[in-house]
Amino acid sequence: MAEASQGHRGHVLLPRSCCHPRGAASSHAELAACTMTLATATPASSVAQAFFCLLLCIPWGSSCPPSCQCTERAGAKAVLCSSQHLQEIPKDIPRDVVFLKLDANSITRIPSNAFRHLSRLEEIDLSGNAIEQIDRAAFRGVAAGLRSLDLSGNRIRSVPKEALLALNAELRLGSNPWHCECALQEVLWEARLDPDSVRDITCHTAPRQEFVGKPLLQVLDAGANFCSVRRRTMDVAVLVTMFGWFAMLVAYVTCYARHNRERSRRHSLPGAQPRAETAL
């Protein structure tokens, strides 16, 4: 890094990084150079110029996470955090990122609003992690612009359908230990799935043992309908509940009738009338 040099009339020639075309230093070393420029510039005009440079050098929302590499791809910012042993999604991802690679890490959960501040995000690669939980609002704020989402090769058994059906992105969901149920079936029907990865969505567990180990698409093509199973279960539950209420009503009416019959019998017994007249 070239040091600042003294120019004509006391002005300071600043390092080129301080006038970075994107308005920020591209590394911590360049930021340190800008700070050194401010410290060594003595004339008032030079101090003002160096201070303005320092403001440009501060990475306002454009800093790169320590374990990631920030670069450009097709003229757009890409943040590469592959194979960095990350256990959670970094908090300091640049706001102008378009391509985000978080594959081959140890991330276990995608919390709500995990990418909300990344309004330009178009592609997310989360494949090869240990993701088990995806919150309903995990992709809030990026649903409209996201074009590709890779969740393959994780530990996902189930996912709130609202988290995926709100996306316009093409999804890769294969190589997960899926529990085949109605929500997954609805995702398969309504979401935009990558055609090459659909066959990799396999039933690791299922309501019926005969479906285990088979591709979900094959199970559905054979006539299975997990949503109808859920509806039948709900219908049975409603019938059981209604029967319980009916049984309670019958029991109440029976007890009430028995009580009235016993009361009438006591009033009709001999000796009940004299006691009543004595009382008068």
Protein backbone atom coordinates (compact mmCIF):
# COMPACT_ATOMS: atom_id res chain seq x y z
CA MET A 1 0.00 0.00 0.00
CA ALA A 2 1.52 3.27 -1.07
CA GLU A 3 1.78 5.89 1.66
CA ALA A 4 0.29 9.35 1.37
CA SER A 5 2.73 11.89 -0.11
CA GLN A 6 2.88 15.67 0.25
CA GLY A 7 1.58 17.61 -2.80
CA HIS A 8 1.55 21.24 -3.83
CA ARG A 9 0.38 23.93 -1.39
CA GLY A 10 0.28 21.56 1.55
CA HIS A 11 -2.30 19.18 0.11
CA VAL A 12 -1.96 15.46 0.75
CA LEU A 13 -2.11 12.90 -2.04
CA LEU A 14 -4.27 10.11 -0.61
CA PRO A 15 -3.94 6.40 -1.28
CA ARG A 16 -5.90 5.29 -4.31
CA SER A 17 -7.99 2.93 -2.18
CA CYS A 18 -9.51 5.93 -0.41
CA CYS A 19 -11.14 6.90 -3.67
CA HIS A 20 -12.31 3.38 -4.41
CA PRO A 21 -14.86 3.50 -7.23
CA ARG A 22 -17.40 1.75 -4.98
CA GLY A 23 -16.87 4.28 -2.22
CA ALA A 24 -15.29 1.92 0.30
CA ALA A 25 -11.98 0.30 1.05
CA SER A 26 -11.83 -3.28 -0.13
CA SER A 27 -9.85 -4.58 2.83
CA HIS A 28 -8.98 -3.80 6.45
CA ALA A 29 -5.44 -2.90 5.34
CA GLU A 30 -6.79 -0.17 3.05
CA LEU A 31 -8.97 1.14 5.85
CA ALA A 32 -5.90 1.31 8.10
CA ALA A 33 -4.05 3.23 5.37
CA CYS A 34 -6.87 5.76 5.19
CA THR A 35 -6.75 6.18 8.96
CA MET A 36 -2.98 6.72 8.80
CA THR A 37 -3.54 9.39 6.15
CA LEU A 38 -5.82 11.29 8.50
CA ALA A 39 -3.33 11.03 11.36
CA THR A 40 -0.34 12.31 9.35
CA ALA A 41 -2.04 15.12 7.45
CA THR A 42 -1.30 18.42 9.24
CA PRO A 43 -2.70 21.29 7.14
CA ALA A 44 -6.37 22.05 7.77
CA SER A 45 -7.38 21.47 4.16
CA SER A 46 -5.52 18.18 4.13
CA VAL A 47 -7.23 17.07 7.32
CA ALA A 48 -10.65 17.81 5.81
CA GLN A 49 -9.77 15.92 2.65
CA ALA A 50 -8.43 12.96 4.60
CA PHE A 51 -11.47 12.91 6.88
CA PHE A 52 -13.77 12.79 3.85
CA CYS A 53 -11.65 9.94 2.51
CA LEU A 54 -11.99 8.09 5.81
CA LEU A 55 -15.78 8.34 5.58
CA LEU A 56 -15.59 6.75 2.16
CA CYS A 57 -13.31 4.04 3.44
CA ILE A 58 -15.62 2.95 6.26
CA PRO A 59 -17.45 -0.15 4.98
CA TRP A 60 -21.03 0.99 5.56
CA GLY A 61 -22.85 -2.35 5.09
CA SER A 62 -20.31 -3.54 2.49
CA SER A 63 -17.84 -5.35 4.73
CA CYS A 64 -17.23 -9.02 4.11
CA PRO A 65 -17.68 -11.59 6.91
CA PRO A 66 -14.30 -12.73 8.25
CA SER A 67 -14.78 -16.34 7.16
CA CYS A 68 -16.08 -15.49 3.69
CA GLN A 69 -14.76 -14.18 0.41
CA CYS A 70 -16.52 -11.34 -1.37
CA THR A 71 -16.13 -11.18 -5.12
CA GLU A 72 -18.11 -10.43 -8.26
CA ARG A 73 -19.92 -12.76 -10.60
CA ALA A 74 -21.57 -11.51 -13.77
CA GLY A 75 -21.19 -7.95 -12.51
CA ALA A 76 -22.98 -8.65 -9.21
CA LYS A 77 -21.65 -9.17 -5.71
CA ALA A 78 -21.13 -12.77 -4.61
CA VAL A 79 -20.34 -13.82 -1.04
CA LEU A 80 -18.62 -17.20 -0.82
CA CYS A 81 -18.69 -18.87 2.60
CA SER A 82 -18.35 -22.50 1.55
CA SER A 83 -16.66 -25.06 3.85
CA GLN A 84 -15.94 -22.63 6.70
CA HIS A 85 -17.36 -24.70 9.58
CA LEU A 86 -20.11 -22.13 10.12
CA GLN A 87 -22.76 -23.12 12.66
CA GLU A 88 -25.13 -20.28 11.87
CA ILE A 89 -25.81 -17.82 9.07
CA PRO A 90 -23.39 -14.86 9.34
CA LYS A 91 -24.93 -11.60 10.56
CA ASP A 92 -22.66 -9.21 8.63
CA ILE A 93 -23.36 -10.24 5.05
CA PRO A 94 -23.16 -7.21 2.70
CA ARG A 95 -26.58 -5.79 1.87
CA ASP A 96 -25.86 -5.67 -1.85
CA VAL A 97 -25.09 -9.39 -2.18
CA VAL A 98 -26.79 -11.16 -5.08
CA PHE A 99 -25.22 -14.64 -4.88
CA LEU A 100 -24.71 -16.25 -1.47
CA LYS A 101 -22.95 -19.60 -1.00
CA LEU A 102 -23.17 -21.14 2.47
CA ASP A 103 -22.80 -24.76 1.40
CA ALA A 104 -20.75 -27.47 3.16
CA ASN A 105 -20.97 -25.95 6.64
CA SER A 106 -22.59 -27.03 9.92
CA ILE A 107 -25.62 -24.74 9.95
CA THR A 108 -28.54 -26.39 11.79
CA ARG A 109 -31.33 -23.81 11.58
CA ILE A 110 -32.66 -21.04 9.36
CA PRO A 111 -34.30 -18.57 11.76
CA SER A 112 -36.98 -16.04 10.98
CA ASN A 113 -35.82 -13.01 8.94
CA ALA A 114 -32.42 -14.61 8.34
CA PHE A 115 -32.03 -12.77 5.00
CA ARG A 116 -34.49 -9.90 5.40
CA HIS A 117 -31.87 -7.16 4.99
CA LEU A 118 -30.54 -8.68 1.73
CA SER A 119 -33.06 -7.17 -0.68
CA ARG A 120 -30.98 -7.91 -3.82
CA LEU A 121 -30.45 -11.58 -3.05
CA GLU A 122 -31.23 -13.90 -5.97
CA GLU A 123 -29.45 -17.17 -5.20
CA ILE A 124 -28.82 -19.00 -1.91
CA ASP A 125 -26.88 -22.25 -1.67
CA LEU A 126 -27.36 -23.97 1.70
CA SER A 127 -26.66 -27.49 0.50
CA GLY A 128 -24.53 -29.91 2.49
CA ASN A 129 -25.26 -28.47 5.93
CA ALA A 130 -26.98 -30.00 8.98
CA ILE A 131 -30.21 -27.99 8.76
CA GLU A 132 -33.05 -29.54 10.76
CA GLN A 133 -35.33 -26.56 11.37
CA ILE A 134 -36.65 -23.87 9.04
CA ASP A 135 -38.83 -21.18 10.59
CA ARG A 136 -42.01 -20.04 8.85
CA ALA A 137 -40.61 -16.56 8.21
CA ALA A 138 -37.09 -17.74 7.32
CA PHE A 139 -37.15 -16.15 3.85
CA ARG A 140 -39.24 -13.09 4.63
CA GLY A 141 -38.01 -10.06 2.72
CA VAL A 142 -36.37 -12.00 -0.14
CA ALA A 143 -39.29 -14.13 -1.37
CA ALA A 144 -40.10 -11.93 -4.37
CA GLY A 145 -36.58 -11.62 -5.78
CA LEU A 146 -35.10 -15.02 -4.95
CA ARG A 147 -34.56 -17.16 -8.07
CA SER A 148 -32.74 -20.21 -6.68
CA LEU A 149 -32.65 -21.92 -3.27
CA ASP A 150 -30.64 -25.09 -2.67
CA LEU A 151 -31.51 -27.02 0.52
CA SER A 152 -30.34 -30.42 -0.65
CA GLY A 153 -28.16 -32.70 1.47
CA ASN A 154 -29.36 -31.54 4.88
CA ARG A 155 -31.29 -33.17 7.75
CA ILE A 156 -34.70 -31.70 7.01
CA ARG A 157 -37.60 -34.02 7.94
CA SER A 158 -40.40 -31.49 7.62
CA VAL A 159 -40.79 -27.82 6.82
CA PRO A 160 -43.63 -25.31 7.20
CA LYS A 161 -45.13 -25.17 3.74
CA GLU A 162 -45.63 -21.40 4.13
CA ALA A 163 -41.85 -20.95 4.20
CA LEU A 164 -41.43 -22.45 0.72
CA LEU A 165 -44.72 -21.76 -1.07
CA ALA A 166 -44.21 -18.01 -0.64
CA LEU A 167 -41.07 -18.23 -2.83
CA ASN A 168 -40.81 -17.77 -6.57
CA ALA A 169 -37.42 -19.49 -6.49
CA GLU A 170 -36.53 -22.82 -8.02
CA LEU A 171 -36.02 -25.24 -5.11
CA ARG A 172 -33.64 -28.16 -4.63
CA LEU A 173 -34.87 -30.33 -1.74
CA GLY A 174 -33.33 -33.74 -2.48
CA SER A 175 -31.16 -35.92 -0.22
CA ASN A 176 -32.98 -35.04 3.01
CA PRO A 177 -34.57 -37.53 5.46
CA TRP A 178 -38.10 -36.39 4.62
CA HIS A 179 -41.18 -37.51 6.51
CA CYS A 180 -43.75 -37.87 3.73
CA GLU A 181 -46.88 -36.02 4.78
CA CYS A 182 -49.48 -33.63 3.43
CA ALA A 183 -47.29 -30.49 3.76
CA LEU A 184 -44.50 -32.04 1.68
CA GLN A 185 -47.02 -33.24 -0.89
CA GLU A 186 -48.42 -29.70 -1.22
CA VAL A 187 -44.90 -28.33 -1.68
CA LEU A 188 -44.30 -30.87 -4.43
CA TRP A 189 -47.55 -29.85 -6.16
CA GLU A 190 -47.33 -26.06 -5.78
CA ALA A 191 -43.67 -25.02 -5.46
CA ARG A 192 -41.16 -24.57 -8.29
CA LEU A 193 -38.90 -27.59 -7.89
CA ASP A 194 -35.76 -28.22 -9.88
CA PRO A 195 -36.77 -31.04 -12.26
CA ASP A 196 -33.49 -32.91 -11.82
CA SER A 197 -33.78 -32.97 -8.02
CA VAL A 198 -37.42 -34.05 -7.65
CA ARG A 199 -36.50 -37.73 -7.94
CA ASP A 200 -34.11 -37.31 -4.98
CA ILE A 201 -36.98 -36.44 -2.60
CA THR A 202 -37.39 -39.79 -0.84
CA CYS A 203 -39.67 -40.89 2.00
CA HIS A 204 -37.36 -41.59 4.93
CA THR A 205 -40.45 -42.09 7.12
CA ALA A 206 -44.13 -42.26 6.16
CA PRO A 207 -47.57 -43.10 7.61
CA ARG A 208 -47.38 -46.49 5.91
CA GLN A 209 -44.30 -48.70 5.96
CA GLU A 210 -44.68 -49.60 2.28
CA PHE A 211 -43.81 -46.01 1.30
CA VAL A 212 -40.51 -45.88 3.24
CA GLY A 213 -37.43 -45.67 1.04
CA LYS A 214 -39.37 -44.79 -2.10
CA PRO A 215 -39.22 -41.50 -4.03
CA LEU A 216 -42.16 -39.29 -3.12
CA LEU A 217 -43.04 -38.79 -6.78
CA GLN A 218 -43.30 -42.56 -7.27
CA VAL A 219 -45.52 -42.93 -4.20
CA LEU A 220 -47.89 -40.21 -5.41
CA ASP A 221 -47.96 -41.63 -8.93
CA ALA A 222 -49.09 -44.94 -7.41
CA GLY A 223 -52.20 -43.22 -6.06
CA ALA A 224 -51.18 -42.29 -2.51
CA ASN A 225 -52.60 -39.08 -1.09
CA PHE A 226 -51.19 -37.97 2.26
CA CYS A 227 -53.60 -35.05 2.47
CA SER A 228 -56.65 -37.35 2.22
CA VAL A 229 -55.20 -39.46 5.05
CA ARG A 230 -55.02 -36.35 7.20
CA ARG A 231 -58.59 -35.40 6.32
CA ARG A 232 -59.83 -38.91 7.19
CA THR A 233 -58.00 -38.69 10.51
CA MET A 234 -59.64 -35.35 11.22
CA ASP A 235 -63.05 -36.76 10.28
CA VAL A 236 -62.60 -39.66 12.68
CA ALA A 237 -61.55 -37.24 15.43
CA VAL A 238 -64.66 -35.12 14.82
CA LEU A 239 -66.90 -38.20 14.93
CA VAL A 240 -65.30 -39.39 18.18
CA THR A 241 -65.78 -35.94 19.70
CA MET A 242 -69.40 -35.78 18.61
CA PHE A 243 -70.04 -39.28 20.01
CA GLY A 244 -68.49 -38.22 23.32
CA TRP A 245 -70.78 -35.19 23.58
CA PHE A 246 -73.81 -37.31 22.66
CA ALA A 247 -72.91 -39.88 25.32
CA MET A 248 -72.61 -37.12 27.92
CA LEU A 249 -75.99 -35.74 26.90
CA VAL A 250 -77.65 -39.17 27.17
CA ALA A 251 -76.06 -39.72 30.57
CA TYR A 252 -77.29 -36.33 31.80
CA VAL A 253 -80.86 -36.95 30.58
CA THR A 254 -80.87 -40.42 32.15
CA CYS A 255 -79.66 -39.11 35.51
CA TYR A 256 -82.19 -36.27 35.41
CA ALA A 257 -85.09 -38.65 34.67
CA ARG A 258 -83.96 -41.06 37.39
CA HIS A 259 -83.73 -38.24 39.92
CA ASN A 260 -87.27 -37.04 39.11
CA ARG A 261 -88.63 -40.58 39.34
CA GLU A 262 -87.06 -41.09 42.78
CA ARG A 263 -88.43 -37.77 43.96
CA SER A 264 -91.95 -38.61 42.79
CA ARG A 265 -91.75 -41.99 44.48
CA ARG A 266 -90.82 -40.43 47.85
CA HIS A 267 -93.81 -38.08 47.68
CA SER A 268 -96.19 -40.98 46.94
CA LEU A 269 -95.11 -43.19 49.86
CA PRO A 270 -97.66 -43.74 52.82
CA GLY A 271 -96.90 -41.45 55.75
CA ALA A 272 -95.64 -38.66 53.59
CA GLN A 273 -99.07 -36.91 53.71
CA PRO A 274 -99.50 -36.96 57.53
CA ARG A 275 -96.09 -35.48 57.97
CA ALA A 276 -97.09 -32.74 55.65
CA GLU A 277 -100.36 -32.07 57.53
CA THR A 278 -98.55 -32.07 60.91
CA ALA A 279 -96.20 -29.52 59.56
CA LEU A 280 -99.18 -27.32 58.71
